[in-house]
Amino acid sequence: MMIIVASIAVALVSFIIYALERRSKQEPIVWEDALKLSLFSGIITSGVVFSTTVEGVIETAKTVTENVAPAVQDMFVGTPSF
């Protein structure tokens, strides 16, 4: 749910900033540019929020360490041959 709220909020803020910037220059709003800017800022935000949330990271880390630890330990068994 946080991904959706953050994405919409950032898209809305980016549209407002774009509209204010165009108005300060007294130029018309180009709706295609405004749509692209809002859409891509929302998509980027959703990716950042998804990759930085902690919901599934702990379980994934436990699974990886359980599967990788024996393989790593097997590499260091015996005497070095170099």
PDB file of N, CA and C in Angstrom:
ATOM      1  N   MET A   1       0.824  -1.191   0.000  1.00  0.00           N
ATOM      2  CA  MET A   1       0.000   0.000   0.000  1.00  0.00           C
ATOM      3  C   MET A   1       0.870   1.258   0.000  1.00  0.00           C
ATOM      4  N   MET A   2       2.010   1.171   0.678  1.00  0.00           N
ATOM      5  CA  MET A   2       2.890   2.331   0.745  1.00  0.00           C
ATOM      6  C   MET A   2       3.460   2.677  -0.631  1.00  0.00           C
ATOM      7  N   ILE A   3       3.659   1.655  -1.458  1.00  0.00           N
ATOM      8  CA  ILE A   3       4.193   1.890  -2.798  1.00  0.00           C
ATOM      9  C   ILE A   3       3.223   2.738  -3.607  1.00  0.00           C
ATOM     10  N   ILE A   4       1.941   2.423  -3.529  1.00  0.00           N
ATOM     11  CA  ILE A   4       0.936   3.156  -4.298  1.00  0.00           C
ATOM     12  C   ILE A   4       0.816   4.589  -3.815  1.00  0.00           C
ATOM     13  N   VAL A   5       0.754   4.781  -2.515  1.00  0.00           N
ATOM     14  CA  VAL A   5       0.597   6.128  -1.956  1.00  0.00           C
ATOM     15  C   VAL A   5       1.815   6.991  -2.284  1.00  0.00           C
ATOM     16  N   ALA A   6       2.997   6.437  -2.126  1.00  0.00           N
ATOM     17  CA  ALA A   6       4.216   7.209  -2.412  1.00  0.00           C
ATOM     18  C   ALA A   6       4.304   7.561  -3.891  1.00  0.00           C
ATOM     19  N   SER A   7       3.962   6.613  -4.759  1.00  0.00           N
ATOM     20  CA  SER A   7       4.030   6.875  -6.200  1.00  0.00           C
ATOM     21  C   SER A   7       3.062   7.963  -6.628  1.00  0.00           C
ATOM     22  N   ILE A   8       1.835   7.899  -6.125  1.00  0.00           N
ATOM     23  CA  ILE A   8       0.838   8.916  -6.471  1.00  0.00           C
ATOM     24  C   ILE A   8       1.242  10.271  -5.927  1.00  0.00           C
ATOM     25  N   ALA A   9       1.760  10.291  -4.698  1.00  0.00           N
ATOM     26  CA  ALA A   9       2.173  11.562  -4.103  1.00  0.00           C
ATOM     27  C   ALA A   9       3.306  12.203  -4.893  1.00  0.00           C
ATOM     28  N   VAL A  10       4.296  11.426  -5.269  1.00  0.00           N
ATOM     29  CA  VAL A  10       5.426  11.978  -6.029  1.00  0.00           C
ATOM     30  C   VAL A  10       4.968  12.416  -7.418  1.00  0.00           C
ATOM     31  N   ALA A  11       4.099  11.648  -8.060  1.00  0.00           N
ATOM     32  CA  ALA A  11       3.588  12.037  -9.377  1.00  0.00           C
ATOM     33  C   ALA A  11       2.812  13.349  -9.289  1.00  0.00           C
ATOM     34  N   LEU A  12       2.020  13.499  -8.260  1.00  0.00           N
ATOM     35  CA  LEU A  12       1.251  14.728  -8.076  1.00  0.00           C
ATOM     36  C   LEU A  12       2.165  15.919  -7.809  1.00  0.00           C
ATOM     37  N   VAL A  13       3.147  15.728  -6.969  1.00  0.00           N
ATOM     38  CA  VAL A  13       4.090  16.812  -6.665  1.00  0.00           C
ATOM     39  C   VAL A  13       4.886  17.197  -7.901  1.00  0.00           C
ATOM     40  N   SER A  14       5.307  16.207  -8.676  1.00  0.00           N
ATOM     41  CA  SER A  14       6.069  16.537  -9.886  1.00  0.00           C
ATOM     42  C   SER A  14       5.208  17.288 -10.893  1.00  0.00           C
ATOM     43  N   PHE A  15       3.922  16.954 -10.989  1.00  0.00           N
ATOM     44  CA  PHE A  15       3.030  17.693 -11.878  1.00  0.00           C
ATOM     45  C   PHE A  15       2.855  19.123 -11.393  1.00  0.00           C
ATOM     46  N   ILE A  16       2.688  19.309 -10.100  1.00  0.00           N
ATOM     47  CA  ILE A  16       2.511  20.664  -9.553  1.00  0.00           C
ATOM     48  C   ILE A  16       3.756  21.501  -9.802  1.00  0.00           C
ATOM     49  N   ILE A  17       4.919  20.932  -9.564  1.00  0.00           N
ATOM     50  CA  ILE A  17       6.169  21.674  -9.799  1.00  0.00           C
ATOM     51  C   ILE A  17       6.314  22.018 -11.277  1.00  0.00           C
ATOM     52  N   TYR A  18       5.961  21.080 -12.153  1.00  0.00           N
ATOM     53  CA  TYR A  18       6.031  21.340 -13.597  1.00  0.00           C
ATOM     54  C   TYR A  18       5.075  22.473 -13.982  1.00  0.00           C
ATOM     55  N   ALA A  19       3.846  22.416 -13.459  1.00  0.00           N
ATOM     56  CA  ALA A  19       2.865  23.453 -13.793  1.00  0.00           C
ATOM     57  C   ALA A  19       3.313  24.820 -13.270  1.00  0.00           C
ATOM     58  N   LEU A  20       3.867  24.871 -12.074  1.00  0.00           N
ATOM     59  CA  LEU A  20       4.353  26.143 -11.525  1.00  0.00           C
ATOM     60  C   LEU A  20       5.533  26.672 -12.325  1.00  0.00           C
ATOM     61  N   GLU A  21       6.392  25.792 -12.769  1.00  0.00           N
ATOM     62  CA  GLU A  21       7.540  26.212 -13.566  1.00  0.00           C
ATOM     63  C   GLU A  21       7.087  26.777 -14.907  1.00  0.00           C
ATOM     64  N   ARG A  22       6.122  26.126 -15.537  1.00  0.00           N
ATOM     65  CA  ARG A  22       5.605  26.630 -16.810  1.00  0.00           C
ATOM     66  C   ARG A  22       4.875  27.956 -16.625  1.00  0.00           C
ATOM     67  N   ARG A  23       4.153  28.076 -15.533  1.00  0.00           N
ATOM     68  CA  ARG A  23       3.419  29.314 -15.271  1.00  0.00           C
ATOM     69  C   ARG A  23       4.379  30.465 -14.968  1.00  0.00           C
ATOM     70  N   SER A  24       5.492  30.159 -14.285  1.00  0.00           N
ATOM     71  CA  SER A  24       6.450  31.227 -13.976  1.00  0.00           C
ATOM     72  C   SER A  24       7.096  31.771 -15.246  1.00  0.00           C
ATOM     73  N   LYS A  25       7.218  30.925 -16.272  1.00  0.00           N
ATOM     74  CA  LYS A  25       7.745  31.377 -17.551  1.00  0.00           C
ATOM     75  C   LYS A  25       6.642  31.913 -18.466  1.00  0.00           C
ATOM     76  N   GLN A  26       5.410  31.839 -17.989  1.00  0.00           N
ATOM     77  CA  GLN A  26       4.214  32.260 -18.734  1.00  0.00           C
ATOM     78  C   GLN A  26       4.110  31.518 -20.056  1.00  0.00           C
ATOM     79  N   GLU A  27       4.341  30.222 -19.999  1.00  0.00           N
ATOM     80  CA  GLU A  27       4.188  29.345 -21.144  1.00  0.00           C
ATOM     81  C   GLU A  27       3.037  28.384 -20.865  1.00  0.00           C
ATOM     82  N   PRO A  28       2.383  27.879 -21.885  1.00  0.00           N
ATOM     83  CA  PRO A  28       1.279  26.928 -21.653  1.00  0.00           C
ATOM     84  C   PRO A  28       1.811  25.566 -21.190  1.00  0.00           C
ATOM     85  N   ILE A  29       0.973  24.861 -20.489  1.00  0.00           N
ATOM     86  CA  ILE A  29       1.337  23.520 -20.036  1.00  0.00           C
ATOM     87  C   ILE A  29       1.218  22.568 -21.221  1.00  0.00           C
ATOM     88  N   VAL A  30       2.265  21.838 -21.480  1.00  0.00           N
ATOM     89  CA  VAL A  30       2.239  20.799 -22.513  1.00  0.00           C
ATOM     90  C   VAL A  30       1.801  19.522 -21.803  1.00  0.00           C
ATOM     91  N   TRP A  31       0.575  19.102 -22.075  1.00  0.00           N
ATOM     92  CA  TRP A  31      -0.014  18.006 -21.315  1.00  0.00           C
ATOM     93  C   TRP A  31       0.697  16.682 -21.547  1.00  0.00           C
ATOM     94  N   GLU A  32       1.234  16.476 -22.715  1.00  0.00           N
ATOM     95  CA  GLU A  32       1.987  15.243 -22.971  1.00  0.00           C
ATOM     96  C   GLU A  32       3.237  15.189 -22.105  1.00  0.00           C
ATOM     97  N   ASP A  33       3.941  16.307 -22.010  1.00  0.00           N
ATOM     98  CA  ASP A  33       5.136  16.356 -21.157  1.00  0.00           C
ATOM     99  C   ASP A  33       4.772  16.196 -19.688  1.00  0.00           C
ATOM    100  N   ALA A  34       3.685  16.826 -19.277  1.00  0.00           N
ATOM    101  CA  ALA A  34       3.251  16.717 -17.885  1.00  0.00           C
ATOM    102  C   ALA A  34       2.890  15.276 -17.546  1.00  0.00           C
ATOM    103  N   LEU A  35       2.210  14.597 -18.490  1.00  0.00           N
ATOM    104  CA  LEU A  35       1.839  13.208 -18.262  1.00  0.00           C
ATOM    105  C   LEU A  35       3.073  12.313 -18.184  1.00  0.00           C
ATOM    106  N   LYS A  36       4.012  12.498 -19.097  1.00  0.00           N
ATOM    107  CA  LYS A  36       5.237  11.696 -19.077  1.00  0.00           C
ATOM    108  C   LYS A  36       6.029  11.923 -17.795  1.00  0.00           C
ATOM    109  N   LEU A  37       6.167  13.173 -17.402  1.00  0.00           N
ATOM    110  CA  LEU A  37       6.920  13.501 -16.197  1.00  0.00           C
ATOM    111  C   LEU A  37       6.274  12.872 -14.965  1.00  0.00           C
ATOM    112  N   SER A  38       4.969  13.002 -14.840  1.00  0.00           N
ATOM    113  CA  SER A  38       4.268  12.440 -13.688  1.00  0.00           C
ATOM    114  C   SER A  38       4.326  10.923 -13.691  1.00  0.00           C
ATOM    115  N   LEU A  39       4.114  10.323 -14.854  1.00  0.00           N
ATOM    116  CA  LEU A  39       4.102   8.872 -14.945  1.00  0.00           C
ATOM    117  C   LEU A  39       5.464   8.278 -14.601  1.00  0.00           C
ATOM    118  N   PHE A  40       6.509   8.802 -15.199  1.00  0.00           N
ATOM    119  CA  PHE A  40       7.833   8.233 -14.954  1.00  0.00           C
ATOM    120  C   PHE A  40       8.345   8.530 -13.542  1.00  0.00           C
ATOM    121  N   SER A  41       7.986   9.665 -12.985  1.00  0.00           N
ATOM    122  CA  SER A  41       8.394   9.923 -11.598  1.00  0.00           C
ATOM    123  C   SER A  41       7.685   8.962 -10.650  1.00  0.00           C
ATOM    124  N   GLY A  42       6.421   8.647 -10.928  1.00  0.00           N
ATOM    125  CA  GLY A  42       5.705   7.668 -10.111  1.00  0.00           C
ATOM    126  C   GLY A  42       6.289   6.277 -10.245  1.00  0.00           C
ATOM    127  N   ILE A  43       6.660   5.892 -11.467  1.00  0.00           N
ATOM    128  CA  ILE A  43       7.248   4.569 -11.692  1.00  0.00           C
ATOM    129  C   ILE A  43       8.596   4.445 -10.988  1.00  0.00           C
ATOM    130  N   ILE A  44       9.420   5.461 -11.107  1.00  0.00           N
ATOM    131  CA  ILE A  44      10.725   5.431 -10.444  1.00  0.00           C
ATOM    132  C   ILE A  44      10.555   5.373  -8.929  1.00  0.00           C
ATOM    133  N   THR A  45       9.606   6.134  -8.415  1.00  0.00           N
ATOM    134  CA  THR A  45       9.359   6.119  -6.975  1.00  0.00           C
ATOM    135  C   THR A  45       8.888   4.751  -6.508  1.00  0.00           C
ATOM    136  N   SER A  46       8.011   4.121  -7.263  1.00  0.00           N
ATOM    137  CA  SER A  46       7.540   2.797  -6.861  1.00  0.00           C
ATOM    138  C   SER A  46       8.691   1.789  -6.853  1.00  0.00           C
ATOM    139  N   GLY A  47       9.604   1.903  -7.796  1.00  0.00           N
ATOM    140  CA  GLY A  47      10.766   1.019  -7.796  1.00  0.00           C
ATOM    141  C   GLY A  47      11.674   1.238  -6.611  1.00  0.00           C
ATOM    142  N   VAL A  48      11.890   2.494  -6.272  1.00  0.00           N
ATOM    143  CA  VAL A  48      12.745   2.804  -5.120  1.00  0.00           C
ATOM    144  C   VAL A  48      12.097   2.339  -3.830  1.00  0.00           C
ATOM    145  N   VAL A  49      10.810   2.587  -3.671  1.00  0.00           N
ATOM    146  CA  VAL A  49      10.119   2.156  -2.450  1.00  0.00           C
ATOM    147  C   VAL A  49      10.105   0.639  -2.360  1.00  0.00           C
ATOM    148  N   PHE A  50       9.870  -0.029  -3.476  1.00  0.00           N
ATOM    149  CA  PHE A  50       9.853  -1.497  -3.474  1.00  0.00           C
ATOM    150  C   PHE A  50      11.209  -2.070  -3.078  1.00  0.00           C
ATOM    151  N   SER A  51      12.270  -1.485  -3.602  1.00  0.00           N
ATOM    152  CA  SER A  51      13.591  -2.042  -3.329  1.00  0.00           C
ATOM    153  C   SER A  51      14.114  -1.691  -1.946  1.00  0.00           C
ATOM    154  N   THR A  52      13.544  -0.704  -1.301  1.00  0.00           N
ATOM    155  CA  THR A  52      14.038  -0.310   0.018  1.00  0.00           C
ATOM    156  C   THR A  52      13.124  -0.714   1.166  1.00  0.00           C
ATOM    157  N   THR A  53      12.002  -1.360   0.887  1.00  0.00           N
ATOM    158  CA  THR A  53      11.146  -1.804   1.982  1.00  0.00           C
ATOM    159  C   THR A  53      11.722  -3.045   2.627  1.00  0.00           C
ATOM    160  N   VAL A  54      11.379  -3.264   3.884  1.00  0.00           N
ATOM    161  CA  VAL A  54      11.974  -4.324   4.681  1.00  0.00           C
ATOM    162  C   VAL A  54      11.064  -5.547   4.776  1.00  0.00           C
ATOM    163  N   GLU A  55       9.881  -5.499   4.158  1.00  0.00           N
ATOM    164  CA  GLU A  55       8.889  -6.560   4.360  1.00  0.00           C
ATOM    165  C   GLU A  55       9.412  -7.951   4.040  1.00  0.00           C
ATOM    166  N   GLY A  56      10.015  -8.154   2.902  1.00  0.00           N
ATOM    167  CA  GLY A  56      10.447  -9.483   2.521  1.00  0.00           C
ATOM    168  C   GLY A  56      11.942  -9.694   2.563  1.00  0.00           C
ATOM    169  N   VAL A  57      12.678  -8.683   2.952  1.00  0.00           N
ATOM    170  CA  VAL A  57      14.133  -8.764   2.899  1.00  0.00           C
ATOM    171  C   VAL A  57      14.679  -9.737   3.939  1.00  0.00           C
ATOM    172  N   ILE A  58      14.107  -9.767   5.117  1.00  0.00           N
ATOM    173  CA  ILE A  58      14.621 -10.616   6.193  1.00  0.00           C
ATOM    174  C   ILE A  58      14.470 -12.094   5.834  1.00  0.00           C
ATOM    175  N   GLU A  59      13.286 -12.475   5.325  1.00  0.00           N
ATOM    176  CA  GLU A  59      13.081 -13.870   4.943  1.00  0.00           C
ATOM    177  C   GLU A  59      13.992 -14.270   3.781  1.00  0.00           C
ATOM    178  N   THR A  60      14.164 -13.374   2.837  1.00  0.00           N
ATOM    179  CA  THR A  60      15.039 -13.652   1.697  1.00  0.00           C
ATOM    180  C   THR A  60      16.481 -13.820   2.151  1.00  0.00           C
ATOM    181  N   ALA A  61      16.923 -12.970   3.064  1.00  0.00           N
ATOM    182  CA  ALA A  61      18.295 -13.067   3.566  1.00  0.00           C
ATOM    183  C   ALA A  61      18.508 -14.375   4.317  1.00  0.00           C
ATOM    184  N   LYS A  62      17.530 -14.798   5.102  1.00  0.00           N
ATOM    185  CA  LYS A  62      17.657 -16.069   5.813  1.00  0.00           C
ATOM    186  C   LYS A  62      17.745 -17.234   4.837  1.00  0.00           C
ATOM    187  N   THR A  63      16.921 -17.214   3.801  1.00  0.00           N
ATOM    188  CA  THR A  63      16.933 -18.290   2.811  1.00  0.00           C
ATOM    189  C   THR A  63      18.270 -18.346   2.079  1.00  0.00           C
ATOM    190  N   VAL A  64      18.786 -17.192   1.706  1.00  0.00           N
ATOM    191  CA  VAL A  64      20.058 -17.146   0.981  1.00  0.00           C
ATOM    192  C   VAL A  64      21.190 -17.638   1.861  1.00  0.00           C
ATOM    193  N   THR A  65      21.241 -17.199   3.103  1.00  0.00           N
ATOM    194  CA  THR A  65      22.334 -17.625   3.982  1.00  0.00           C
ATOM    195  C   THR A  65      22.250 -19.104   4.302  1.00  0.00           C
ATOM    196  N   GLU A  66      21.049 -19.647   4.413  1.00  0.00           N
ATOM    197  CA  GLU A  66      20.926 -21.079   4.673  1.00  0.00           C
ATOM    198  C   GLU A  66      21.402 -21.903   3.480  1.00  0.00           C
ATOM    199  N   ASN A  67      21.158 -21.408   2.268  1.00  0.00           N
ATOM    200  CA  ASN A  67      21.550 -22.152   1.077  1.00  0.00           C
ATOM    201  C   ASN A  67      23.010 -21.933   0.691  1.00  0.00           C
ATOM    202  N   VAL A  68      23.545 -20.771   0.961  1.00  0.00           N
ATOM    203  CA  VAL A  68      24.897 -20.433   0.522  1.00  0.00           C
ATOM    204  C   VAL A  68      25.944 -20.837   1.549  1.00  0.00           C
ATOM    205  N   ALA A  69      25.624 -20.805   2.813  1.00  0.00           N
ATOM    206  CA  ALA A  69      26.606 -21.081   3.860  1.00  0.00           C
ATOM    207  C   ALA A  69      27.282 -22.447   3.700  1.00  0.00           C
ATOM    208  N   PRO A  70      26.554 -23.524   3.453  1.00  0.00           N
ATOM    209  CA  PRO A  70      27.258 -24.812   3.270  1.00  0.00           C
ATOM    210  C   PRO A  70      28.195 -24.810   2.063  1.00  0.00           C
ATOM    211  N   ALA A  71      27.801 -24.149   0.985  1.00  0.00           N
ATOM    212  CA  ALA A  71      28.643 -24.106  -0.205  1.00  0.00           C
ATOM    213  C   ALA A  71      29.927 -23.330   0.068  1.00  0.00           C
ATOM    214  N   VAL A  72      29.821 -22.260   0.810  1.00  0.00           N
ATOM    215  CA  VAL A  72      30.996 -21.456   1.142  1.00  0.00           C
ATOM    216  C   VAL A  72      31.902 -22.230   2.088  1.00  0.00           C
ATOM    217  N   GLN A  73      31.325 -22.933   3.038  1.00  0.00           N
ATOM    218  CA  GLN A  73      32.136 -23.710   3.968  1.00  0.00           C
ATOM    219  C   GLN A  73      32.867 -24.849   3.258  1.00  0.00           C
ATOM    220  N   ASP A  74      32.221 -25.424   2.240  1.00  0.00           N
ATOM    221  CA  ASP A  74      32.860 -26.506   1.487  1.00  0.00           C
ATOM    222  C   ASP A  74      34.073 -26.009   0.711  1.00  0.00           C
ATOM    223  N   MET A  75      34.103 -24.757   0.354  1.00  0.00           N
ATOM    224  CA  MET A  75      35.244 -24.216  -0.377  1.00  0.00           C
ATOM    225  C   MET A  75      36.492 -24.175   0.489  1.00  0.00           C
ATOM    226  N   PHE A  76      36.341 -24.057   1.794  1.00  0.00           N
ATOM    227  CA  PHE A  76      37.478 -23.874   2.676  1.00  0.00           C
ATOM    228  C   PHE A  76      37.822 -25.139   3.463  1.00  0.00           C
ATOM    229  N   VAL A  77      37.399 -26.276   2.998  1.00  0.00           N
ATOM    230  CA  VAL A  77      37.725 -27.538   3.648  1.00  0.00           C
ATOM    231  C   VAL A  77      39.032 -28.057   3.050  1.00  0.00           C
ATOM    232  N   GLY A  78      39.904 -28.484   3.905  1.00  0.00           N
ATOM    233  CA  GLY A  78      41.169 -29.028   3.427  1.00  0.00           C
ATOM    234  C   GLY A  78      42.288 -28.023   3.506  1.00  0.00           C
ATOM    235  N   THR A  79      43.423 -28.378   2.898  1.00  0.00           N
ATOM    236  CA  THR A  79      44.591 -27.496   2.924  1.00  0.00           C
ATOM    237  C   THR A  79      44.648 -26.699   1.623  1.00  0.00           C
ATOM    238  N   PRO A  80      45.178 -25.508   1.686  1.00  0.00           N
ATOM    239  CA  PRO A  80      45.299 -24.722   0.455  1.00  0.00           C
ATOM    240  C   PRO A  80      46.295 -25.359  -0.501  1.00  0.00           C
ATOM    241  N   SER A  81      46.008 -25.269  -1.783  1.00  0.00           N
ATOM    242  CA  SER A  81      46.862 -25.927  -2.771  1.00  0.00           C
ATOM    243  C   SER A  81      47.620 -24.914  -3.639  1.00  0.00           C
ATOM    244  N   PHE A  82      47.832 -23.744  -3.147  1.00  0.00           N
ATOM    245  CA  PHE A  82      48.518 -22.748  -3.979  1.00  0.00           C
ATOM    246  C   PHE A  82      49.938 -22.651  -3.628  1.00  0.00           C
TER     247      PHE A  82
END
